[in-house]
Amino acid sequence: VARTVCRRAERLCCSLAETEVLPETLIPYLNRLNDYFFILARYFNHH
């Protein structure tokens, strides 16, 4: 659930970045964060 909400936040920030300047690390951070949640879900299931 965290992964999918993070993906939505990332998409919305991409929309905002089309018209306004955002810090350059913001979208990459959200992109990596949703990857982290995917790995975390697999980690929980495995352990």
All heavy atoms as atom14 arrays in JSON, in Angstrom:
{
  "sequence": "VARTVCRRAERLCCSLAETEVLPETLIPYLNRLNDYFFILARYFNHH",
  "atom14_mask": [
    [1, 1, 1, 1, 1, 1, 1, 0, 0, 0, 0, 0, 0, 0],
    [1, 1, 1, 1, 1, 0, 0, 0, 0, 0, 0, 0, 0, 0],
    [1, 1, 1, 1, 1, 1, 1, 1, 1, 1, 1, 0, 0, 0],
    [1, 1, 1, 1, 1, 1, 1, 0, 0, 0, 0, 0, 0, 0],
    [1, 1, 1, 1, 1, 1, 1, 0, 0, 0, 0, 0, 0, 0],
    [1, 1, 1, 1, 1, 1, 0, 0, 0, 0, 0, 0, 0, 0],
    [1, 1, 1, 1, 1, 1, 1, 1, 1, 1, 1, 0, 0, 0],
    [1, 1, 1, 1, 1, 1, 1, 1, 1, 1, 1, 0, 0, 0],
    [1, 1, 1, 1, 1, 0, 0, 0, 0, 0, 0, 0, 0, 0],
    [1, 1, 1, 1, 1, 1, 1, 1, 1, 0, 0, 0, 0, 0],
    [1, 1, 1, 1, 1, 1, 1, 1, 1, 1, 1, 0, 0, 0],
    [1, 1, 1, 1, 1, 1, 1, 1, 0, 0, 0, 0, 0, 0],
    [1, 1, 1, 1, 1, 1, 0, 0, 0, 0, 0, 0, 0, 0],
    [1, 1, 1, 1, 1, 1, 0, 0, 0, 0, 0, 0, 0, 0],
    [1, 1, 1, 1, 1, 1, 0, 0, 0, 0, 0, 0, 0, 0],
    [1, 1, 1, 1, 1, 1, 1, 1, 0, 0, 0, 0, 0, 0],
    [1, 1, 1, 1, 1, 0, 0, 0, 0, 0, 0, 0, 0, 0],
    [1, 1, 1, 1, 1, 1, 1, 1, 1, 0, 0, 0, 0, 0],
    [1, 1, 1, 1, 1, 1, 1, 0, 0, 0, 0, 0, 0, 0],
    [1, 1, 1, 1, 1, 1, 1, 1, 1, 0, 0, 0, 0, 0],
    [1, 1, 1, 1, 1, 1, 1, 0, 0, 0, 0, 0, 0, 0],
    [1, 1, 1, 1, 1, 1, 1, 1, 0, 0, 0, 0, 0, 0],
    [1, 1, 1, 1, 1, 1, 1, 0, 0, 0, 0, 0, 0, 0],
    [1, 1, 1, 1, 1, 1, 1, 1, 1, 0, 0, 0, 0, 0],
    [1, 1, 1, 1, 1, 1, 1, 0, 0, 0, 0, 0, 0, 0],
    [1, 1, 1, 1, 1, 1, 1, 1, 0, 0, 0, 0, 0, 0],
    [1, 1, 1, 1, 1, 1, 1, 1, 0, 0, 0, 0, 0, 0],
    [1, 1, 1, 1, 1, 1, 1, 0, 0, 0, 0, 0, 0, 0],
    [1, 1, 1, 1, 1, 1, 1, 1, 1, 1, 1, 1, 0, 0],
    [1, 1, 1, 1, 1, 1, 1, 1, 0, 0, 0, 0, 0, 0],
    [1, 1, 1, 1, 1, 1, 1, 1, 0, 0, 0, 0, 0, 0],
    [1, 1, 1, 1, 1, 1, 1, 1, 1, 1, 1, 0, 0, 0],
    [1, 1, 1, 1, 1, 1, 1, 1, 0, 0, 0, 0, 0, 0],
    [1, 1, 1, 1, 1, 1, 1, 1, 0, 0, 0, 0, 0, 0],
    [1, 1, 1, 1, 1, 1, 1, 1, 0, 0, 0, 0, 0, 0],
    [1, 1, 1, 1, 1, 1, 1, 1, 1, 1, 1, 1, 0, 0],
    [1, 1, 1, 1, 1, 1, 1, 1, 1, 1, 1, 0, 0, 0],
    [1, 1, 1, 1, 1, 1, 1, 1, 1, 1, 1, 0, 0, 0],
    [1, 1, 1, 1, 1, 1, 1, 1, 0, 0, 0, 0, 0, 0],
    [1, 1, 1, 1, 1, 1, 1, 1, 0, 0, 0, 0, 0, 0],
    [1, 1, 1, 1, 1, 0, 0, 0, 0, 0, 0, 0, 0, 0],
    [1, 1, 1, 1, 1, 1, 1, 1, 1, 1, 1, 0, 0, 0],
    [1, 1, 1, 1, 1, 1, 1, 1, 1, 1, 1, 1, 0, 0],
    [1, 1, 1, 1, 1, 1, 1, 1, 1, 1, 1, 0, 0, 0],
    [1, 1, 1, 1, 1, 1, 1, 1, 0, 0, 0, 0, 0, 0],
    [1, 1, 1, 1, 1, 1, 1, 1, 1, 1, 0, 0, 0, 0],
    [1, 1, 1, 1, 1, 1, 1, 1, 1, 1, 0, 0, 0, 0]
  ],
  "atom14_positions": [
    [[0.85, -1.2, 0.0], [0.0, 0.0, 0.0], [0.88, 1.24, 0.0], [0.64, 2.18, -0.77], [-0.98, -0.01, 1.2], [-1.69, 1.34, 1.33], [-2.01, -1.13, 1.05], [0.0, 0.0, 0.0], [0.0, 0.0, 0.0], [0.0, 0.0, 0.0], [0.0, 0.0, 0.0], [0.0, 0.0, 0.0], [0.0, 0.0, 0.0], [0.0, 0.0, 0.0]],
    [[1.92, 1.25, 0.82], [2.85, 2.38, 0.85], [3.49, 2.58, -0.53], [3.63, 3.72, -1.0], [3.93, 2.16, 1.91], [0.0, 0.0, 0.0], [0.0, 0.0, 0.0], [0.0, 0.0, 0.0], [0.0, 0.0, 0.0], [0.0, 0.0, 0.0], [0.0, 0.0, 0.0], [0.0, 0.0, 0.0], [0.0, 0.0, 0.0], [0.0, 0.0, 0.0]],
    [[3.84, 1.49, -1.18], [4.44, 1.56, -2.53], [3.51, 2.25, -3.51], [3.93, 3.14, -4.26], [4.78, 0.15, -3.02], [5.29, 0.07, -4.45], [5.53, -1.37, -4.89], [4.36, -2.22, -4.82], [3.38, -2.24, -5.73], [3.43, -1.43, -6.78], [2.35, -3.05, -5.6], [0.0, 0.0, 0.0], [0.0, 0.0, 0.0], [0.0, 0.0, 0.0]],
    [[2.24, 1.88, -3.49], [1.31, 2.44, -4.48], [0.98, 3.9, -4.18], [0.83, 4.71, -5.1], [0.02, 1.61, -4.58], [-0.63, 1.55, -3.32], [0.33, 0.19, -5.08], [0.0, 0.0, 0.0], [0.0, 0.0, 0.0], [0.0, 0.0, 0.0], [0.0, 0.0, 0.0], [0.0, 0.0, 0.0], [0.0, 0.0, 0.0], [0.0, 0.0, 0.0]],
    [[0.9, 4.26, -2.91], [0.68, 5.67, -2.56], [1.91, 6.49, -2.95], [1.8, 7.61, -3.45], [0.34, 5.82, -1.06], [0.28, 7.28, -0.65], [-0.99, 5.13, -0.75], [0.0, 0.0, 0.0], [0.0, 0.0, 0.0], [0.0, 0.0, 0.0], [0.0, 0.0, 0.0], [0.0, 0.0, 0.0], [0.0, 0.0, 0.0], [0.0, 0.0, 0.0]],
    [[3.09, 5.92, -2.75], [4.33, 6.59, -3.14], [4.37, 6.8, -4.66], [4.77, 7.87, -5.13], [5.53, 5.77, -2.67], [7.11, 6.61, -2.87], [0.0, 0.0, 0.0], [0.0, 0.0, 0.0], [0.0, 0.0, 0.0], [0.0, 0.0, 0.0], [0.0, 0.0, 0.0], [0.0, 0.0, 0.0], [0.0, 0.0, 0.0], [0.0, 0.0, 0.0]],
    [[3.94, 5.81, -5.42], [3.89, 5.95, -6.88], [2.96, 7.09, -7.29], [3.26, 7.85, -8.21], [3.44, 4.64, -7.54], [4.5, 3.59, -7.54], [4.79, 3.16, -8.98], [5.72, 2.05, -9.0], [7.01, 2.17, -9.28], [7.51, 3.35, -9.56], [7.79, 1.13, -9.3], [0.0, 0.0, 0.0], [0.0, 0.0, 0.0], [0.0, 0.0, 0.0]],
    [[1.81, 7.2, -6.61], [0.88, 8.29, -6.92], [1.53, 9.63, -6.61], [1.45, 10.58, -7.41], [-0.42, 8.16, -6.13], [-1.34, 9.35, -6.4], [-2.69, 9.36, -5.72], [-2.98, 8.32, -4.8], [-3.09, 8.5, -3.47], [-2.88, 9.68, -2.94], [-3.42, 7.49, -2.7], [0.0, 0.0, 0.0], [0.0, 0.0, 0.0], [0.0, 0.0, 0.0]],
    [[2.19, 9.73, -5.45], [2.86, 10.98, -5.1], [3.91, 11.34, -6.16], [4.02, 12.5, -6.55], [3.52, 10.86, -3.71], [0.0, 0.0, 0.0], [0.0, 0.0, 0.0], [0.0, 0.0, 0.0], [0.0, 0.0, 0.0], [0.0, 0.0, 0.0], [0.0, 0.0, 0.0], [0.0, 0.0, 0.0], [0.0, 0.0, 0.0], [0.0, 0.0, 0.0]],
    [[4.64, 10.34, -6.62], [5.64, 10.57, -7.66], [4.99, 11.09, -8.95], [5.47, 12.05, -9.55], [6.41, 9.28, -7.94], [7.47, 9.42, -9.0], [8.11, 8.1, -9.38], [7.66, 7.02, -8.93], [9.07, 8.14, -10.17], [0.0, 0.0, 0.0], [0.0, 0.0, 0.0], [0.0, 0.0, 0.0], [0.0, 0.0, 0.0], [0.0, 0.0, 0.0]],
    [[3.9, 10.45, -9.37], [3.21, 10.9, -10.59], [2.71, 12.34, -10.45], [2.84, 13.15, -11.38], [2.03, 9.97, -10.92], [2.41, 8.6, -11.4], [1.22, 7.81, -11.93], [0.09, 7.74, -11.02], [-0.08, 6.79, -10.09], [0.83, 5.85, -9.92], [-1.16, 6.79, -9.32], [0.0, 0.0, 0.0], [0.0, 0.0, 0.0], [0.0, 0.0, 0.0]],
    [[2.14, 12.65, -9.31], [1.64, 14.01, -9.09], [2.79, 15.02, -9.1], [2.65, 16.11, -9.65], [0.87, 14.08, -7.77], [-0.49, 13.38, -7.77], [-1.01, 13.21, -6.35], [-1.48, 14.14, -8.63], [0.0, 0.0, 0.0], [0.0, 0.0, 0.0], [0.0, 0.0, 0.0], [0.0, 0.0, 0.0], [0.0, 0.0, 0.0], [0.0, 0.0, 0.0]],
    [[3.91, 14.66, -8.5], [5.07, 15.56, -8.51], [5.6, 15.75, -9.92], [6.04, 16.85, -10.28], [6.16, 15.03, -7.58], [5.73, 15.22, -5.83], [0.0, 0.0, 0.0], [0.0, 0.0, 0.0], [0.0, 0.0, 0.0], [0.0, 0.0, 0.0], [0.0, 0.0, 0.0], [0.0, 0.0, 0.0], [0.0, 0.0, 0.0], [0.0, 0.0, 0.0]],
    [[5.54, 14.71, -10.73], [5.93, 14.85, -12.14], [5.01, 15.84, -12.85], [5.47, 16.66, -13.66], [5.91, 13.5, -12.85], [7.27, 12.41, -12.37], [0.0, 0.0, 0.0], [0.0, 0.0, 0.0], [0.0, 0.0, 0.0], [0.0, 0.0, 0.0], [0.0, 0.0, 0.0], [0.0, 0.0, 0.0], [0.0, 0.0, 0.0], [0.0, 0.0, 0.0]],
    [[3.72, 15.79, -12.54], [2.78, 16.76, -13.11], [3.11, 18.18, -12.66], [3.12, 19.11, -13.47], [1.34, 16.43, -12.71], [0.92, 15.25, -13.32], [0.0, 0.0, 0.0], [0.0, 0.0, 0.0], [0.0, 0.0, 0.0], [0.0, 0.0, 0.0], [0.0, 0.0, 0.0], [0.0, 0.0, 0.0], [0.0, 0.0, 0.0], [0.0, 0.0, 0.0]],
    [[3.38, 18.34, -11.39], [3.72, 19.67, -10.87], [5.02, 20.18, -11.51], [5.13, 21.36, -11.83], [3.86, 19.62, -9.34], [4.18, 20.93, -8.64], [3.07, 21.97, -8.88], [4.37, 20.7, -7.15], [0.0, 0.0, 0.0], [0.0, 0.0, 0.0], [0.0, 0.0, 0.0], [0.0, 0.0, 0.0], [0.0, 0.0, 0.0], [0.0, 0.0, 0.0]],
    [[5.98, 19.28, -11.72], [7.27, 19.66, -12.3], [7.14, 20.12, -13.75], [8.06, 20.75, -14.28], [8.26, 18.5, -12.2], [0.0, 0.0, 0.0], [0.0, 0.0, 0.0], [0.0, 0.0, 0.0], [0.0, 0.0, 0.0], [0.0, 0.0, 0.0], [0.0, 0.0, 0.0], [0.0, 0.0, 0.0], [0.0, 0.0, 0.0], [0.0, 0.0, 0.0]],
    [[6.02, 19.83, -14.39], [5.81, 20.31, -15.76], [5.61, 21.82, -15.81], [5.83, 22.45, -16.84], [4.61, 19.61, -16.4], [4.87, 18.14, -16.68], [3.62, 17.41, -17.18], [2.57, 18.06, -17.41], [3.7, 16.18, -17.33], [0.0, 0.0, 0.0], [0.0, 0.0, 0.0], [0.0, 0.0, 0.0], [0.0, 0.0, 0.0], [0.0, 0.0, 0.0]],
    [[5.14, 22.4, -14.68], [4.86, 23.84, -14.67], [5.65, 24.62, -13.63], [5.69, 25.83, -13.68], [3.35, 24.09, -14.42], [2.99, 23.49, -13.17], [2.51, 23.52, -15.55], [0.0, 0.0, 0.0], [0.0, 0.0, 0.0], [0.0, 0.0, 0.0], [0.0, 0.0, 0.0], [0.0, 0.0, 0.0], [0.0, 0.0, 0.0], [0.0, 0.0, 0.0]],
    [[6.25, 23.91, -12.66], [6.98, 24.58, -11.59], [8.29, 23.86, -11.34], [8.42, 22.67, -11.59], [6.13, 24.62, -10.32], [4.8, 25.35, -10.53], [4.05, 25.58, -9.24], [4.71, 25.85, -8.21], [2.82, 25.5, -9.27], [0.0, 0.0, 0.0], [0.0, 0.0, 0.0], [0.0, 0.0, 0.0], [0.0, 0.0, 0.0], [0.0, 0.0, 0.0]],
    [[9.25, 24.59, -10.82], [10.56, 24.02, -10.53], [10.51, 23.34, -9.16], [10.09, 23.94, -8.17], [11.66, 25.11, -10.54], [13.0, 24.53, -10.15], [11.73, 25.77, -11.9], [0.0, 0.0, 0.0], [0.0, 0.0, 0.0], [0.0, 0.0, 0.0], [0.0, 0.0, 0.0], [0.0, 0.0, 0.0], [0.0, 0.0, 0.0], [0.0, 0.0, 0.0]],
    [[10.93, 22.07, -9.14], [11.01, 21.31, -7.9], [12.48, 21.0, -7.62], [13.3, 20.95, -8.54], [10.23, 20.0, -8.02], [8.72, 20.11, -8.22], [8.11, 18.71, -8.32], [8.08, 20.88, -7.08], [0.0, 0.0, 0.0], [0.0, 0.0, 0.0], [0.0, 0.0, 0.0], [0.0, 0.0, 0.0], [0.0, 0.0, 0.0], [0.0, 0.0, 0.0]],
    [[12.83, 20.77, -6.36], [14.2, 20.35, -6.07], [14.57, 19.11, -6.9], [13.75, 18.19, -7.05], [14.16, 20.02, -4.58], [13.02, 20.81, -4.04], [12.0, 20.85, -5.15], [0.0, 0.0, 0.0], [0.0, 0.0, 0.0], [0.0, 0.0, 0.0], [0.0, 0.0, 0.0], [0.0, 0.0, 0.0], [0.0, 0.0, 0.0], [0.0, 0.0, 0.0]],
    [[15.77, 19.08, -7.42], [16.16, 18.02, -8.36], [16.17, 16.62, -7.75], [16.06, 15.64, -8.47], [17.51, 18.33, -9.01], [18.66, 18.35, -8.04], [19.99, 18.71, -8.72], [19.97, 19.38, -9.76], [21.03, 18.29, -8.19], [0.0, 0.0, 0.0], [0.0, 0.0, 0.0], [0.0, 0.0, 0.0], [0.0, 0.0, 0.0], [0.0, 0.0, 0.0]],
    [[16.27, 16.51, -6.45], [16.31, 15.19, -5.81], [14.93, 14.66, -5.45], [14.79, 13.49, -5.1], [17.17, 15.24, -4.53], [16.64, 16.26, -3.68], [18.63, 15.49, -4.85], [0.0, 0.0, 0.0], [0.0, 0.0, 0.0], [0.0, 0.0, 0.0], [0.0, 0.0, 0.0], [0.0, 0.0, 0.0], [0.0, 0.0, 0.0], [0.0, 0.0, 0.0]],
    [[13.91, 15.49, -5.54], [12.59, 15.12, -5.05], [11.98, 13.93, -5.8], [11.58, 12.94, -5.18], [11.67, 16.35, -5.13], [10.39, 16.3, -4.33], [10.06, 17.68, -3.8], [9.25, 15.81, -5.18], [0.0, 0.0, 0.0], [0.0, 0.0, 0.0], [0.0, 0.0, 0.0], [0.0, 0.0, 0.0], [0.0, 0.0, 0.0], [0.0, 0.0, 0.0]],
    [[11.91, 13.99, -7.1], [11.3, 12.89, -7.88], [12.18, 11.64, -7.83], [11.65, 10.54, -7.62], [10.97, 13.36, -9.3], [9.82, 14.38, -9.23], [10.57, 12.17, -10.19], [9.48, 15.08, -10.54], [0.0, 0.0, 0.0], [0.0, 0.0, 0.0], [0.0, 0.0, 0.0], [0.0, 0.0, 0.0], [0.0, 0.0, 0.0], [0.0, 0.0, 0.0]],
    [[13.51, 11.74, -7.98], [14.32, 10.53, -7.83], [14.16, 9.87, -6.45], [14.16, 8.65, -6.34], [15.75, 11.01, -8.06], [15.6, 12.23, -8.92], [14.32, 12.87, -8.46], [0.0, 0.0, 0.0], [0.0, 0.0, 0.0], [0.0, 0.0, 0.0], [0.0, 0.0, 0.0], [0.0, 0.0, 0.0], [0.0, 0.0, 0.0], [0.0, 0.0, 0.0]],
    [[14.02, 10.69, -5.41], [13.82, 10.13, -4.07], [12.53, 9.32, -4.02], [12.51, 8.18, -3.53], [13.8, 11.25, -3.02], [13.52, 10.74, -1.62], [14.53, 10.2, -0.84], [12.23, 10.8, -1.08], [14.29, 9.72, 0.43], [11.98, 10.32, 0.19], [13.0, 9.79, 0.94], [12.75, 9.3, 2.21], [0.0, 0.0, 0.0], [0.0, 0.0, 0.0]],
    [[11.44, 9.88, -4.52], [10.17, 9.16, -4.51], [10.23, 7.9, -5.38], [9.67, 6.86, -5.02], [9.02, 10.07, -4.99], [8.61, 11.16, -4.01], [7.61, 12.11, -4.67], [8.03, 10.57, -2.72], [0.0, 0.0, 0.0], [0.0, 0.0, 0.0], [0.0, 0.0, 0.0], [0.0, 0.0, 0.0], [0.0, 0.0, 0.0], [0.0, 0.0, 0.0]],
    [[10.94, 7.99, -6.49], [11.08, 6.82, -7.36], [11.82, 5.7, -6.64], [11.41, 4.54, -6.67], [11.81, 7.22, -8.64], [11.9, 6.07, -9.61], [12.85, 5.29, -9.57], [10.91, 5.95, -10.47], [0.0, 0.0, 0.0], [0.0, 0.0, 0.0], [0.0, 0.0, 0.0], [0.0, 0.0, 0.0], [0.0, 0.0, 0.0], [0.0, 0.0, 0.0]],
    [[12.9, 6.03, -5.98], [13.66, 5.03, -5.25], [12.88, 4.52, -4.05], [12.94, 3.34, -3.71], [15.0, 5.63, -4.78], [16.13, 4.64, -4.8], [16.48, 4.21, -6.23], [17.4, 5.16, -6.85], [17.05, 6.0, -7.83], [15.87, 6.01, -8.36], [17.92, 6.83, -8.35], [0.0, 0.0, 0.0], [0.0, 0.0, 0.0], [0.0, 0.0, 0.0]],
    [[12.11, 5.4, -3.42], [11.34, 5.02, -2.25], [10.28, 3.98, -2.59], [10.1, 3.01, -1.85], [10.7, 6.25, -1.61], [9.99, 6.04, -0.28], [10.92, 5.47, 0.77], [9.39, 7.38, 0.19], [0.0, 0.0, 0.0], [0.0, 0.0, 0.0], [0.0, 0.0, 0.0], [0.0, 0.0, 0.0], [0.0, 0.0, 0.0], [0.0, 0.0, 0.0]],
    [[9.62, 4.12, -3.75], [8.61, 3.1, -4.07], [9.28, 1.77, -4.4], [8.73, 0.71, -4.11], [7.58, 3.57, -5.1], [8.14, 3.93, -6.43], [8.79, 3.11, -7.07], [7.89, 5.15, -6.88], [0.0, 0.0, 0.0], [0.0, 0.0, 0.0], [0.0, 0.0, 0.0], [0.0, 0.0, 0.0], [0.0, 0.0, 0.0], [0.0, 0.0, 0.0]],
    [[10.49, 1.8, -4.96], [11.25, 0.56, -5.14], [11.58, -0.08, -3.78], [11.5, -1.29, -3.62], [12.56, 0.83, -5.89], [12.35, 1.23, -7.34], [11.28, 0.9, -7.91], [13.26, 1.87, -7.9], [0.0, 0.0, 0.0], [0.0, 0.0, 0.0], [0.0, 0.0, 0.0], [0.0, 0.0, 0.0], [0.0, 0.0, 0.0], [0.0, 0.0, 0.0]],
    [[11.95, 0.77, -2.82], [12.26, 0.28, -1.48], [11.06, -0.45, -0.88], [11.21, -1.53, -0.29], [12.69, 1.45, -0.58], [12.73, 1.08, 0.88], [13.76, 0.31, 1.42], [11.7, 1.47, 1.74], [13.78, -0.05, 2.75], [11.71, 1.12, 3.08], [12.74, 0.36, 3.57], [12.75, -0.01, 4.9], [0.0, 0.0, 0.0], [0.0, 0.0, 0.0]],
    [[9.87, 0.11, -1.04], [8.69, -0.53, -0.45], [8.39, -1.88, -1.12], [7.91, -2.81, -0.45], [7.47, 0.38, -0.52], [7.58, 1.58, 0.37], [7.33, 2.85, -0.11], [7.94, 1.44, 1.7], [7.44, 3.95, 0.71], [8.07, 2.54, 2.54], [7.81, 3.81, 2.03], [0.0, 0.0, 0.0], [0.0, 0.0, 0.0], [0.0, 0.0, 0.0]],
    [[8.68, -2.0, -2.4], [8.51, -3.29, -3.07], [9.46, -4.33, -2.46], [9.05, -5.44, -2.14], [8.74, -3.15, -4.58], [8.59, -4.44, -5.32], [7.34, -4.96, -5.6], [9.71, -5.16, -5.73], [7.19, -6.16, -6.27], [9.58, -6.37, -6.4], [8.31, -6.86, -6.68], [0.0, 0.0, 0.0], [0.0, 0.0, 0.0], [0.0, 0.0, 0.0]],
    [[10.72, -3.95, -2.32], [11.71, -4.84, -1.72], [11.33, -5.16, -0.28], [11.44, -6.31, 0.18], [13.13, -4.22, -1.78], [13.58, -4.02, -3.23], [14.14, -5.05, -0.99], [13.74, -5.3, -4.02], [0.0, 0.0, 0.0], [0.0, 0.0, 0.0], [0.0, 0.0, 0.0], [0.0, 0.0, 0.0], [0.0, 0.0, 0.0], [0.0, 0.0, 0.0]],
    [[10.87, -4.16, 0.46], [10.48, -4.37, 1.85], [9.33, -5.38, 1.95], [9.35, -6.26, 2.82], [10.09, -3.05, 2.49], [9.75, -3.09, 3.98], [10.96, -3.54, 4.81], [9.26, -1.72, 4.45], [0.0, 0.0, 0.0], [0.0, 0.0, 0.0], [0.0, 0.0, 0.0], [0.0, 0.0, 0.0], [0.0, 0.0, 0.0], [0.0, 0.0, 0.0]],
    [[8.37, -5.29, 1.05], [7.25, -6.26, 1.05], [7.77, -7.67, 0.83], [7.38, -8.61, 1.53], [6.23, -5.88, -0.02], [0.0, 0.0, 0.0], [0.0, 0.0, 0.0], [0.0, 0.0, 0.0], [0.0, 0.0, 0.0], [0.0, 0.0, 0.0], [0.0, 0.0, 0.0], [0.0, 0.0, 0.0], [0.0, 0.0, 0.0], [0.0, 0.0, 0.0]],
    [[8.68, -7.83, -0.13], [9.26, -9.15, -0.39], [10.06, -9.64, 0.82], [10.01, -10.81, 1.18], [10.16, -9.11, -1.64], [9.38, -8.82, -2.92], [10.18, -9.19, -4.15], [10.31, -10.65, -4.2], [11.43, -11.29, -4.56], [12.51, -10.61, -4.89], [11.47, -12.61, -4.58], [0.0, 0.0, 0.0], [0.0, 0.0, 0.0], [0.0, 0.0, 0.0]],
    [[10.79, -8.73, 1.43], [11.59, -9.05, 2.62], [10.68, -9.56, 3.75], [10.98, -10.58, 4.39], [12.36, -7.8, 3.05], [13.16, -7.95, 4.31], [14.44, -8.51, 4.29], [12.66, -7.5, 5.53], [15.19, -8.64, 5.45], [13.41, -7.62, 6.7], [14.67, -8.19, 6.65], [15.4, -8.31, 7.8], [0.0, 0.0, 0.0], [0.0, 0.0, 0.0]],
    [[9.59, -8.85, 4.0], [8.66, -9.29, 5.05], [8.1, -10.68, 4.73], [8.07, -11.55, 5.6], [7.51, -8.29, 5.21], [7.88, -7.03, 5.93], [7.33, -5.82, 5.53], [8.75, -7.03, 7.01], [7.63, -4.64, 6.2], [9.07, -5.85, 7.68], [8.5, -4.65, 7.27], [0.0, 0.0, 0.0], [0.0, 0.0, 0.0], [0.0, 0.0, 0.0]],
    [[7.63, -10.86, 3.51], [7.07, -12.17, 3.16], [8.1, -13.29, 3.33], [7.81, -14.34, 3.88], [6.53, -12.17, 1.73], [5.14, -11.57, 1.65], [4.39, -11.57, 2.61], [4.79, -11.06, 0.48], [0.0, 0.0, 0.0], [0.0, 0.0, 0.0], [0.0, 0.0, 0.0], [0.0, 0.0, 0.0], [0.0, 0.0, 0.0], [0.0, 0.0, 0.0]],
    [[9.32, -13.03, 2.89], [10.37, -14.04, 2.98], [10.7, -14.38, 4.44], [10.77, -15.55, 4.82], [11.62, -13.55, 2.25], [12.76, -14.51, 2.25], [12.75, -15.66, 1.48], [13.92, -14.51, 2.93], [13.88, -16.33, 1.69], [14.61, -15.65, 2.57], [0.0, 0.0, 0.0], [0.0, 0.0, 0.0], [0.0, 0.0, 0.0], [0.0, 0.0, 0.0]],
    [[10.88, -13.35, 5.25], [11.31, -13.58, 6.64], [10.18, -13.98, 7.57], [10.45, -14.47, 8.68], [12.05, -12.35, 7.17], [13.42, -12.23, 6.59], [14.49, -12.93, 7.06], [13.87, -11.53, 5.51], [15.56, -12.65, 6.33], [15.2, -11.81, 5.38], [0.0, 0.0, 0.0], [0.0, 0.0, 0.0], [0.0, 0.0, 0.0], [0.0, 0.0, 0.0]]
  ]
}
